[in-house]
PDB file of N, CA and C in Angstrom:
ATOM      1  N   MET A   1      10.125  14.229   3.988  1.00  0.00           N
ATOM      2  CA  MET A   1      11.212  14.131   3.049  1.00  0.00           C
ATOM      3  C   MET A   1      12.432  14.894   3.565  1.00  0.00           C
ATOM      4  N   ARG A   2      12.170  16.008   4.237  1.00  0.00           N
ATOM      5  CA  ARG A   2      13.259  16.809   4.791  1.00  0.00           C
ATOM      6  C   ARG A   2      14.068  15.992   5.798  1.00  0.00           C
ATOM      7  N   GLU A   3      13.386  15.238   6.655  1.00  0.00           N
ATOM      8  CA  GLU A   3      14.102  14.441   7.653  1.00  0.00           C
ATOM      9  C   GLU A   3      14.978  13.376   7.013  1.00  0.00           C
ATOM     10  N   VAL A   4      14.503  12.736   5.970  1.00  0.00           N
ATOM     11  CA  VAL A   4      15.308  11.719   5.293  1.00  0.00           C
ATOM     12  C   VAL A   4      16.566  12.358   4.724  1.00  0.00           C
ATOM     13  N   GLN A   5      16.417  13.529   4.135  1.00  0.00           N
ATOM     14  CA  GLN A   5      17.585  14.223   3.577  1.00  0.00           C
ATOM     15  C   GLN A   5      18.571  14.601   4.681  1.00  0.00           C
ATOM     16  N   GLU A   6      18.059  15.135   5.790  1.00  0.00           N
ATOM     17  CA  GLU A   6      18.928  15.554   6.882  1.00  0.00           C
ATOM     18  C   GLU A   6      19.574  14.372   7.596  1.00  0.00           C
ATOM     19  N   GLU A   7      18.807  13.324   7.853  1.00  0.00           N
ATOM     20  CA  GLU A   7      19.294  12.219   8.675  1.00  0.00           C
ATOM     21  C   GLU A   7      19.994  11.121   7.892  1.00  0.00           C
ATOM     22  N   ALA A   8      19.647  10.943   6.624  1.00  0.00           N
ATOM     23  CA  ALA A   8      20.237   9.841   5.852  1.00  0.00           C
ATOM     24  C   ALA A   8      21.054  10.302   4.650  1.00  0.00           C
ATOM     25  N   GLY A   9      20.923  11.577   4.285  1.00  0.00           N
ATOM     26  CA  GLY A   9      21.693  12.102   3.163  1.00  0.00           C
ATOM     27  C   GLY A   9      21.172  11.709   1.794  1.00  0.00           C
ATOM     28  N   ILE A  10      19.936  11.230   1.727  1.00  0.00           N
ATOM     29  CA  ILE A  10      19.348  10.836   0.443  1.00  0.00           C
ATOM     30  C   ILE A  10      18.043  11.596   0.211  1.00  0.00           C
ATOM     31  N   ARG A  11      17.621  11.633  -1.054  1.00  0.00           N
ATOM     32  CA  ARG A  11      16.349  12.278  -1.414  1.00  0.00           C
ATOM     33  C   ARG A  11      15.490  11.257  -2.143  1.00  0.00           C
ATOM     34  N   PRO A  12      14.398  10.788  -1.499  1.00  0.00           N
ATOM     35  CA  PRO A  12      13.494   9.854  -2.166  1.00  0.00           C
ATOM     36  C   PRO A  12      12.899  10.480  -3.418  1.00  0.00           C
ATOM     37  N   LEU A  13      12.761   9.690  -4.483  1.00  0.00           N
ATOM     38  CA  LEU A  13      12.269  10.225  -5.756  1.00  0.00           C
ATOM     39  C   LEU A  13      10.796   9.930  -6.013  1.00  0.00           C
ATOM     40  N   ASP A  14      10.271   8.895  -5.446  1.00  0.00           N
ATOM     41  CA  ASP A  14       8.885   8.501  -5.737  1.00  0.00           C
ATOM     42  C   ASP A  14       8.154   8.085  -4.463  1.00  0.00           C
ATOM     43  N   ALA A  15       8.245   8.899  -3.427  1.00  0.00           N
ATOM     44  CA  ALA A  15       7.683   8.538  -2.130  1.00  0.00           C
ATOM     45  C   ALA A  15       6.165   8.412  -2.172  1.00  0.00           C
ATOM     46  N   GLU A  16       5.689   7.371  -1.526  1.00  0.00           N
ATOM     47  CA  GLU A  16       4.249   7.114  -1.409  1.00  0.00           C
ATOM     48  C   GLU A  16       3.940   6.867   0.062  1.00  0.00           C
ATOM     49  N   LYS A  17       2.945   7.549   0.585  1.00  0.00           N
ATOM     50  CA  LYS A  17       2.563   7.357   1.983  1.00  0.00           C
ATOM     51  C   LYS A  17       1.873   6.006   2.131  1.00  0.00           C
ATOM     52  N   VAL A  18       2.379   5.198   3.063  1.00  0.00           N
ATOM     53  CA  VAL A  18       1.819   3.860   3.247  1.00  0.00           C
ATOM     54  C   VAL A  18       1.379   3.582   4.685  1.00  0.00           C
ATOM     55  N   GLY A  19       1.737   4.467   5.616  1.00  0.00           N
ATOM     56  CA  GLY A  19       1.366   4.189   6.993  1.00  0.00           C
ATOM     57  C   GLY A  19       1.246   5.430   7.847  1.00  0.00           C
ATOM     58  N   TYR A  20       0.474   5.282   8.907  1.00  0.00           N
ATOM     59  CA  TYR A  20       0.311   6.327   9.913  1.00  0.00           C
ATOM     60  C   TYR A  20       0.308   5.637  11.268  1.00  0.00           C
ATOM     61  N   MET A  21       1.177   6.106  12.163  1.00  0.00           N
ATOM     62  CA  MET A  21       1.279   5.492  13.487  1.00  0.00           C
ATOM     63  C   MET A  21       1.206   6.570  14.566  1.00  0.00           C
ATOM     64  N   GLU A  22       0.678   6.177  15.725  1.00  0.00           N
ATOM     65  CA  GLU A  22       0.678   7.035  16.900  1.00  0.00           C
ATOM     66  C   GLU A  22       1.376   6.277  18.021  1.00  0.00           C
ATOM     67  N   PHE A  23       2.262   6.987  18.724  1.00  0.00           N
ATOM     68  CA  PHE A  23       3.003   6.382  19.830  1.00  0.00           C
ATOM     69  C   PHE A  23       2.782   7.198  21.092  1.00  0.00           C
ATOM     70  N   GLU A  24       2.506   6.488  22.182  1.00  0.00           N
ATOM     71  CA  GLU A  24       2.343   7.116  23.488  1.00  0.00           C
ATOM     72  C   GLU A  24       3.201   6.356  24.485  1.00  0.00           C
ATOM     73  N   PHE A  25       3.585   7.065  25.536  1.00  0.00           N
ATOM     74  CA  PHE A  25       4.359   6.460  26.597  1.00  0.00           C
ATOM     75  C   PHE A  25       3.603   6.631  27.906  1.00  0.00           C
ATOM     76  N   GLU A  26       3.547   5.564  28.685  1.00  0.00           N
ATOM     77  CA  GLU A  26       2.843   5.582  29.961  1.00  0.00           C
ATOM     78  C   GLU A  26       3.333   6.757  30.809  1.00  0.00           C
ATOM     79  N   ASN A  27       2.412   7.435  31.474  1.00  0.00           N
ATOM     80  CA  ASN A  27       2.710   8.579  32.342  1.00  0.00           C
ATOM     81  C   ASN A  27       3.291   9.773  31.574  1.00  0.00           C
ATOM     82  N   ASN A  28       2.956   9.875  30.295  1.00  0.00           N
ATOM     83  CA  ASN A  28       3.404  11.002  29.474  1.00  0.00           C
ATOM     84  C   ASN A  28       2.251  11.352  28.538  1.00  0.00           C
ATOM     85  N   ASP A  29       1.816  12.590  28.550  1.00  0.00           N
ATOM     86  CA  ASP A  29       0.667  13.010  27.750  1.00  0.00           C
ATOM     87  C   ASP A  29       1.009  13.263  26.284  1.00  0.00           C
ATOM     88  N   GLU A  30       2.286  13.260  25.949  1.00  0.00           N
ATOM     89  CA  GLU A  30       2.702  13.555  24.574  1.00  0.00           C
ATOM     90  C   GLU A  30       2.318  12.417  23.627  1.00  0.00           C
ATOM     91  N   LEU A  31       1.743  12.789  22.495  1.00  0.00           N
ATOM     92  CA  LEU A  31       1.403  11.837  21.444  1.00  0.00           C
ATOM     93  C   LEU A  31       2.356  12.081  20.281  1.00  0.00           C
ATOM     94  N   ILE A  32       3.034  11.043  19.833  1.00  0.00           N
ATOM     95  CA  ILE A  32       3.966  11.169  18.715  1.00  0.00           C
ATOM     96  C   ILE A  32       3.306  10.585  17.478  1.00  0.00           C
ATOM     97  N   GLU A  33       3.147  11.415  16.449  1.00  0.00           N
ATOM     98  CA  GLU A  33       2.570  10.982  15.175  1.00  0.00           C
ATOM     99  C   GLU A  33       3.700  10.681  14.203  1.00  0.00           C
ATOM    100  N   VAL A  34       3.604   9.549  13.517  1.00  0.00           N
ATOM    101  CA  VAL A  34       4.622   9.165  12.539  1.00  0.00           C
ATOM    102  C   VAL A  34       3.924   8.821  11.231  1.00  0.00           C
ATOM    103  N   HIS A  35       4.379   9.427  10.150  1.00  0.00           N
ATOM    104  CA  HIS A  35       3.861   9.158   8.817  1.00  0.00           C
ATOM    105  C   HIS A  35       4.932   8.361   8.079  1.00  0.00           C
ATOM    106  N   LEU A  36       4.561   7.188   7.579  1.00  0.00           N
ATOM    107  CA  LEU A  36       5.532   6.309   6.920  1.00  0.00           C
ATOM    108  C   LEU A  36       5.368   6.371   5.408  1.00  0.00           C
ATOM    109  N   PHE A  37       6.485   6.529   4.733  1.00  0.00           N
ATOM    110  CA  PHE A  37       6.522   6.606   3.280  1.00  0.00           C
ATOM    111  C   PHE A  37       7.432   5.510   2.746  1.00  0.00           C
ATOM    112  N   LYS A  38       7.124   5.070   1.537  1.00  0.00           N
ATOM    113  CA  LYS A  38       7.921   4.053   0.876  1.00  0.00           C
ATOM    114  C   LYS A  38       8.412   4.622  -0.456  1.00  0.00           C
ATOM    115  N   SER A  39       9.677   4.374  -0.781  1.00  0.00           N
ATOM    116  CA  SER A  39      10.241   4.845  -2.029  1.00  0.00           C
ATOM    117  C   SER A  39      11.132   3.756  -2.606  1.00  0.00           C
ATOM    118  N   ALA A  40      11.018   3.520  -3.908  1.00  0.00           N
ATOM    119  CA  ALA A  40      11.825   2.484  -4.554  1.00  0.00           C
ATOM    120  C   ALA A  40      13.134   3.045  -5.103  1.00  0.00           C
ATOM    121  N   SER A  41      13.268   4.384  -5.144  1.00  0.00           N
ATOM    122  CA  SER A  41      14.497   4.965  -5.677  1.00  0.00           C
ATOM    123  C   SER A  41      14.819   6.265  -4.945  1.00  0.00           C
ATOM    124  N   PHE A  42      16.085   6.623  -4.997  1.00  0.00           N
ATOM    125  CA  PHE A  42      16.525   7.830  -4.317  1.00  0.00           C
ATOM    126  C   PHE A  42      17.773   8.391  -4.991  1.00  0.00           C
ATOM    127  N   GLU A  43      18.059   9.651  -4.659  1.00  0.00           N
ATOM    128  CA  GLU A  43      19.282  10.303  -5.111  1.00  0.00           C
ATOM    129  C   GLU A  43      20.176  10.506  -3.894  1.00  0.00           C
ATOM    130  N   GLY A  44      21.475  10.487  -4.113  1.00  0.00           N
ATOM    131  CA  GLY A  44      22.419  10.733  -3.037  1.00  0.00           C
ATOM    132  C   GLY A  44      23.038   9.446  -2.529  1.00  0.00           C
ATOM    133  N   GLU A  45      23.911   9.607  -1.582  1.00  0.00           N
ATOM    134  CA  GLU A  45      24.618   8.477  -0.979  1.00  0.00           C
ATOM    135  C   GLU A  45      24.244   8.418   0.499  1.00  0.00           C
ATOM    136  N   PRO A  46      23.712   7.278   0.983  1.00  0.00           N
ATOM    137  CA  PRO A  46      23.366   7.191   2.410  1.00  0.00           C
ATOM    138  C   PRO A  46      24.580   7.510   3.284  1.00  0.00           C
ATOM    139  N   LYS A  47      24.334   8.278   4.360  1.00  0.00           N
ATOM    140  CA  LYS A  47      25.415   8.653   5.263  1.00  0.00           C
ATOM    141  C   LYS A  47      24.977   8.500   6.711  1.00  0.00           C
ATOM    142  N   GLU A  48      25.934   8.304   7.579  1.00  0.00           N
ATOM    143  CA  GLU A  48      25.663   8.186   9.003  1.00  0.00           C
ATOM    144  C   GLU A  48      25.415   9.570   9.584  1.00  0.00           C
ATOM    145  N   SER A  49      24.493   9.634  10.557  1.00  0.00           N
ATOM    146  CA  SER A  49      24.199  10.873  11.265  1.00  0.00           C
ATOM    147  C   SER A  49      23.964  10.535  12.734  1.00  0.00           C
ATOM    148  N   GLU A  50      23.677  11.554  13.545  1.00  0.00           N
ATOM    149  CA  GLU A  50      23.364  11.311  14.954  1.00  0.00           C
ATOM    150  C   GLU A  50      22.119  10.444  15.102  1.00  0.00           C
ATOM    151  N   GLU A  51      21.228  10.507  14.135  1.00  0.00           N
ATOM    152  CA  GLU A  51      19.958   9.794  14.194  1.00  0.00           C
ATOM    153  C   GLU A  51      20.029   8.357  13.697  1.00  0.00           C
ATOM    154  N   MET A  52      20.982   8.066  12.805  1.00  0.00           N
ATOM    155  CA  MET A  52      20.983   6.733  12.199  1.00  0.00           C
ATOM    156  C   MET A  52      22.343   6.364  11.631  1.00  0.00           C
ATOM    157  N   LYS A  53      22.512   5.054  11.465  1.00  0.00           N
ATOM    158  CA  LYS A  53      23.680   4.510  10.779  1.00  0.00           C
ATOM    159  C   LYS A  53      23.136   3.592   9.689  1.00  0.00           C
ATOM    160  N   PRO A  54      23.188   4.031   8.433  1.00  0.00           N
ATOM    161  CA  PRO A  54      22.600   3.220   7.359  1.00  0.00           C
ATOM    162  C   PRO A  54      23.281   1.867   7.217  1.00  0.00           C
ATOM    163  N   ALA A  55      22.480   0.863   6.943  1.00  0.00           N
ATOM    164  CA  ALA A  55      22.985  -0.491   6.700  1.00  0.00           C
ATOM    165  C   ALA A  55      21.949  -1.233   5.874  1.00  0.00           C
ATOM    166  N   TRP A  56      22.402  -2.139   5.034  1.00  0.00           N
ATOM    167  CA  TRP A  56      21.513  -2.955   4.212  1.00  0.00           C
ATOM    168  C   TRP A  56      21.408  -4.337   4.845  1.00  0.00           C
ATOM    169  N   PHE A  57      20.184  -4.874   4.879  1.00  0.00           N
ATOM    170  CA  PHE A  57      19.941  -6.198   5.433  1.00  0.00           C
ATOM    171  C   PHE A  57      19.081  -6.997   4.476  1.00  0.00           C
ATOM    172  N   HIS A  58      19.341  -8.285   4.389  1.00  0.00           N
ATOM    173  CA  HIS A  58      18.431  -9.174   3.673  1.00  0.00           C
ATOM    174  C   HIS A  58      17.125  -9.166   4.459  1.00  0.00           C
ATOM    175  N   ILE A  59      16.021  -9.269   3.777  1.00  0.00           N
ATOM    176  CA  ILE A  59      14.705  -9.175   4.427  1.00  0.00           C
ATOM    177  C   ILE A  59      14.533 -10.201   5.552  1.00  0.00           C
ATOM    178  N   ASP A  60      15.182 -11.348   5.442  1.00  0.00           N
ATOM    179  CA  ASP A  60      15.094 -12.385   6.477  1.00  0.00           C
ATOM    180  C   ASP A  60      16.072 -12.161   7.624  1.00  0.00           C
ATOM    181  N   GLU A  61      16.884 -11.119   7.536  1.00  0.00           N
ATOM    182  CA  GLU A  61      17.909 -10.876   8.557  1.00  0.00           C
ATOM    183  C   GLU A  61      17.788  -9.499   9.200  1.00  0.00           C
ATOM    184  N   ILE A  62      16.595  -8.910   9.130  1.00  0.00           N
ATOM    185  CA  ILE A  62      16.387  -7.611   9.764  1.00  0.00           C
ATOM    186  C   ILE A  62      16.578  -7.777  11.272  1.00  0.00           C
ATOM    187  N   PRO A  63      17.431  -6.969  11.902  1.00  0.00           N
ATOM    188  CA  PRO A  63      17.750  -7.152  13.331  1.00  0.00           C
ATOM    189  C   PRO A  63      16.699  -6.540  14.263  1.00  0.00           C
ATOM    190  N   PHE A  64      15.508  -7.143  14.291  1.00  0.00           N
ATOM    191  CA  PHE A  64      14.422  -6.602  15.106  1.00  0.00           C
ATOM    192  C   PHE A  64      14.803  -6.489  16.578  1.00  0.00           C
ATOM    193  N   ASP A  65      15.692  -7.346  17.057  1.00  0.00           N
ATOM    194  CA  ASP A  65      16.098  -7.299  18.459  1.00  0.00           C
ATOM    195  C   ASP A  65      16.913  -6.044  18.789  1.00  0.00           C
ATOM    196  N   GLN A  66      17.366  -5.317  17.781  1.00  0.00           N
ATOM    197  CA  GLN A  66      18.126  -4.081  17.988  1.00  0.00           C
ATOM    198  C   GLN A  66      17.278  -2.844  17.657  1.00  0.00           C
ATOM    199  N   MET A  67      15.990  -3.058  17.412  1.00  0.00           N
ATOM    200  CA  MET A  67      15.108  -1.970  16.989  1.00  0.00           C
ATOM    201  C   MET A  67      14.019  -1.751  18.039  1.00  0.00           C
ATOM    202  N   TRP A  68      13.210  -0.718  17.838  1.00  0.00           N
ATOM    203  CA  TRP A  68      12.060  -0.505  18.719  1.00  0.00           C
ATOM    204  C   TRP A  68      11.169  -1.742  18.655  1.00  0.00           C
ATOM    205  N   PRO A  69      10.564  -2.144  19.779  1.00  0.00           N
ATOM    206  CA  PRO A  69       9.782  -3.383  19.804  1.00  0.00           C
ATOM    207  C   PRO A  69       8.552  -3.389  18.898  1.00  0.00           C
ATOM    208  N   ASP A  70       8.027  -2.228  18.525  1.00  0.00           N
ATOM    209  CA  ASP A  70       6.861  -2.180  17.641  1.00  0.00           C
ATOM    210  C   ASP A  70       7.219  -2.502  16.191  1.00  0.00           C
ATOM    211  N   ASP A  71       8.482  -2.314  15.815  1.00  0.00           N
ATOM    212  CA  ASP A  71       8.897  -2.491  14.419  1.00  0.00           C
ATOM    213  C   ASP A  71       8.587  -3.878  13.872  1.00  0.00           C
ATOM    214  N   LYS A  72       8.735  -4.896  14.692  1.00  0.00           N
ATOM    215  CA  LYS A  72       8.489  -6.262  14.214  1.00  0.00           C
ATOM    216  C   LYS A  72       7.009  -6.505  13.907  1.00  0.00           C
ATOM    217  N   HIS A  73       6.132  -5.623  14.395  1.00  0.00           N
ATOM    218  CA  HIS A  73       4.699  -5.781  14.137  1.00  0.00           C
ATOM    219  C   HIS A  73       4.273  -5.109  12.828  1.00  0.00           C
ATOM    220  N   TRP A  74       4.750  -3.881  12.588  1.00  0.00           N
ATOM    221  CA  TRP A  74       4.304  -3.152  11.392  1.00  0.00           C
ATOM    222  C   TRP A  74       5.226  -3.322  10.194  1.00  0.00           C
ATOM    223  N   MET A  75       6.487  -3.636  10.404  1.00  0.00           N
ATOM    224  CA  MET A  75       7.431  -3.754   9.290  1.00  0.00           C
ATOM    225  C   MET A  75       7.022  -4.815   8.264  1.00  0.00           C
ATOM    226  N   PRO A  76       6.501  -5.978   8.665  1.00  0.00           N
ATOM    227  CA  PRO A  76       6.053  -6.941   7.646  1.00  0.00           C
ATOM    228  C   PRO A  76       4.954  -6.375   6.733  1.00  0.00           C
ATOM    229  N   LEU A  77       4.054  -5.561   7.275  1.00  0.00           N
ATOM    230  CA  LEU A  77       3.032  -4.921   6.445  1.00  0.00           C
ATOM    231  C   LEU A  77       3.692  -3.964   5.465  1.00  0.00           C
ATOM    232  N   PHE A  78       4.619  -3.170   5.953  1.00  0.00           N
ATOM    233  CA  PHE A  78       5.348  -2.213   5.128  1.00  0.00           C
ATOM    234  C   PHE A  78       6.081  -2.925   3.992  1.00  0.00           C
ATOM    235  N   LEU A  79       6.812  -3.974   4.324  1.00  0.00           N
ATOM    236  CA  LEU A  79       7.618  -4.687   3.329  1.00  0.00           C
ATOM    237  C   LEU A  79       6.774  -5.451   2.313  1.00  0.00           C
ATOM    238  N   SER A  80       5.552  -5.812   2.686  1.00  0.00           N
ATOM    239  CA  SER A  80       4.683  -6.538   1.751  1.00  0.00           C
ATOM    240  C   SER A  80       3.817  -5.605   0.911  1.00  0.00           C
ATOM    241  N   GLY A  81       4.032  -4.287   1.046  1.00  0.00           N
ATOM    242  CA  GLY A  81       3.313  -3.329   0.213  1.00  0.00           C
ATOM    243  C   GLY A  81       1.926  -2.961   0.710  1.00  0.00           C
ATOM    244  N   LYS A  82       1.606  -3.290   1.958  1.00  0.00           N
ATOM    245  CA  LYS A  82       0.291  -2.965   2.525  1.00  0.00           C
ATOM    246  C   LYS A  82       0.285  -1.530   3.038  1.00  0.00           C
ATOM    247  N   LYS A  83      -0.914  -0.961   3.142  1.00  0.00           N
ATOM    248  CA  LYS A  83      -1.115   0.326   3.795  1.00  0.00           C
ATOM    249  C   LYS A  83      -1.715   0.030   5.162  1.00  0.00           C
ATOM    250  N   PHE A  84      -1.337   0.810   6.168  1.00  0.00           N
ATOM    251  CA  PHE A  84      -1.748   0.461   7.528  1.00  0.00           C
ATOM    252  C   PHE A  84      -1.772   1.676   8.443  1.00  0.00           C
ATOM    253  N   LYS A  85      -2.470   1.504   9.553  1.00  0.00           N
ATOM    254  CA  LYS A  85      -2.506   2.487  10.633  1.00  0.00           C
ATOM    255  C   LYS A  85      -2.298   1.726  11.933  1.00  0.00           C
ATOM    256  N   GLY A  86      -1.741   2.406  12.912  1.00  0.00           N
ATOM    257  CA  GLY A  86      -1.516   1.740  14.179  1.00  0.00           C
ATOM    258  C   GLY A  86      -1.316   2.703  15.321  1.00  0.00           C
ATOM    259  N   LYS A  87      -1.393   2.139  16.523  1.00  0.00           N
ATOM    260  CA  LYS A  87      -1.188   2.914  17.740  1.00  0.00           C
ATOM    261  C   LYS A  87      -0.533   1.992  18.764  1.00  0.00           C
ATOM    262  N   PHE A  88       0.516   2.489  19.411  1.00  0.00           N
ATOM    263  CA  PHE A  88       1.229   1.705  20.411  1.00  0.00           C
ATOM    264  C   PHE A  88       1.379   2.524  21.685  1.00  0.00           C
ATOM    265  N   LEU A  89       1.170   1.866  22.823  1.00  0.00           N
ATOM    266  CA  LEU A  89       1.398   2.462  24.133  1.00  0.00           C
ATOM    267  C   LEU A  89       2.565   1.711  24.758  1.00  0.00           C
ATOM    268  N   PHE A  90       3.616   2.456  25.118  1.00  0.00           N
ATOM    269  CA  PHE A  90       4.804   1.867  25.718  1.00  0.00           C
ATOM    270  C   PHE A  90       4.824   2.114  27.217  1.00  0.00           C
ATOM    271  N   GLY A  91       5.329   1.122  27.942  1.00  0.00           N
ATOM    272  CA  GLY A  91       5.530   1.246  29.378  1.00  0.00           C
ATOM    273  C   GLY A  91       7.012   1.323  29.684  1.00  0.00           C
ATOM    274  N   SER A  92       7.380   0.977  30.894  1.00  0.00           N
ATOM    275  CA  SER A  92       8.782   1.045  31.277  1.00  0.00           C
ATOM    276  C   SER A  92       9.603   0.029  30.487  1.00  0.00           C
ATOM    277  N   GLY A  93      10.835   0.385  30.219  1.00  0.00           N
ATOM    278  CA  GLY A  93      11.701  -0.485  29.436  1.00  0.00           C
ATOM    279  C   GLY A  93      11.234  -0.648  28.005  1.00  0.00           C
ATOM    280  N   ASP A  94      10.423   0.288  27.531  1.00  0.00           N
ATOM    281  CA  ASP A  94       9.881   0.258  26.171  1.00  0.00           C
ATOM    282  C   ASP A  94       9.023  -0.973  25.890  1.00  0.00           C
ATOM    283  N   ALA A  95       8.449  -1.551  26.928  1.00  0.00           N
ATOM    284  CA  ALA A  95       7.535  -2.684  26.758  1.00  0.00           C
ATOM    285  C   ALA A  95       6.233  -2.193  26.137  1.00  0.00           C
ATOM    286  N   ILE A  96       5.689  -2.958  25.206  1.00  0.00           N
ATOM    287  CA  ILE A  96       4.413  -2.606  24.585  1.00  0.00           C
ATOM    288  C   ILE A  96       3.286  -3.026  25.528  1.00  0.00           C
ATOM    289  N   LEU A  97       2.521  -2.045  25.994  1.00  0.00           N
ATOM    290  CA  LEU A  97       1.403  -2.320  26.895  1.00  0.00           C
ATOM    291  C   LEU A  97       0.101  -2.523  26.132  1.00  0.00           C
ATOM    292  N   LYS A  98      -0.030  -1.806  25.023  1.00  0.00           N
ATOM    293  CA  LYS A  98      -1.259  -1.854  24.247  1.00  0.00           C
ATOM    294  C   LYS A  98      -0.903  -1.567  22.798  1.00  0.00           C
ATOM    295  N   GLN A  99      -1.584  -2.249  21.880  1.00  0.00           N
ATOM    296  CA  GLN A  99      -1.311  -1.991  20.468  1.00  0.00           C
ATOM    297  C   GLN A  99      -2.548  -2.205  19.623  1.00  0.00           C
ATOM    298  N   GLU A 100      -2.655  -1.399  18.585  1.00  0.00           N
ATOM    299  CA  GLU A 100      -3.670  -1.540  17.542  1.00  0.00           C
ATOM    300  C   GLU A 100      -2.915  -1.432  16.231  1.00  0.00           C
ATOM    301  N   LEU A 101      -3.201  -2.324  15.309  1.00  0.00           N
ATOM    302  CA  LEU A 101      -2.545  -2.281  14.014  1.00  0.00           C
ATOM    303  C   LEU A 101      -3.489  -2.912  13.009  1.00  0.00           C
ATOM    304  N   TYR A 102      -3.785  -2.185  11.932  1.00  0.00           N
ATOM    305  CA  TYR A 102      -4.715  -2.723  10.950  1.00  0.00           C
ATOM    306  C   TYR A 102      -4.419  -2.178   9.566  1.00  0.00           C
ATOM    307  N   GLU A 103      -4.751  -2.973   8.580  1.00  0.00           N
ATOM    308  CA  GLU A 103      -4.578  -2.580   7.181  1.00  0.00           C
ATOM    309  C   GLU A 103      -5.698  -1.635   6.781  1.00  0.00           C
ATOM    310  N   VAL A 104      -5.389  -0.723   5.850  1.00  0.00           N
ATOM    311  CA  VAL A 104      -6.383   0.215   5.334  1.00  0.00           C
ATOM    312  C   VAL A 104      -6.227   0.272   3.821  1.00  0.00           C
ATOM    313  N   GLU A 105      -7.269   0.741   3.154  1.00  0.00           N
ATOM    314  CA  GLU A 105      -7.232   0.922   1.704  1.00  0.00           C
ATOM    315  C   GLU A 105      -6.508   2.212   1.337  1.00  0.00           C
ATOM    316  N   GLU A 106      -6.772   3.271   2.114  1.00  0.00           N
ATOM    317  CA  GLU A 106      -6.192   4.592   1.863  1.00  0.00           C
ATOM    318  C   GLU A 106      -5.678   5.184   3.153  1.00  0.00           C
ATOM    319  N   ILE A 107      -4.641   5.995   3.043  1.00  0.00           N
ATOM    320  CA  ILE A 107      -4.088   6.691   4.225  1.00  0.00           C
ATOM    321  C   ILE A 107      -4.601   8.130   4.201  1.00  0.00           C
TER     322      ILE A 107
END
């Protein structure tokens, strides 16, 4: 929640954890854990930061070609209200070398 406030200038009011992802990069031992939350309401006004530039898109017009390549795989689960876990291994040029993604009952 702190990151959303710092990076987007908003405070989610009813956040629910819906996803857990792990990201690895070839030839790098670092594992990046990401916890995904969904909120239907928030306080504040979205603002641009070094991390993001807020924009609204119709669900059929999400610009996946301008996003990380894994987003097009898990975002449909997120938008349809599913809970999920996943793991992605990236190679050079952010190419996905390996992926696991599955729905779960609980996170």
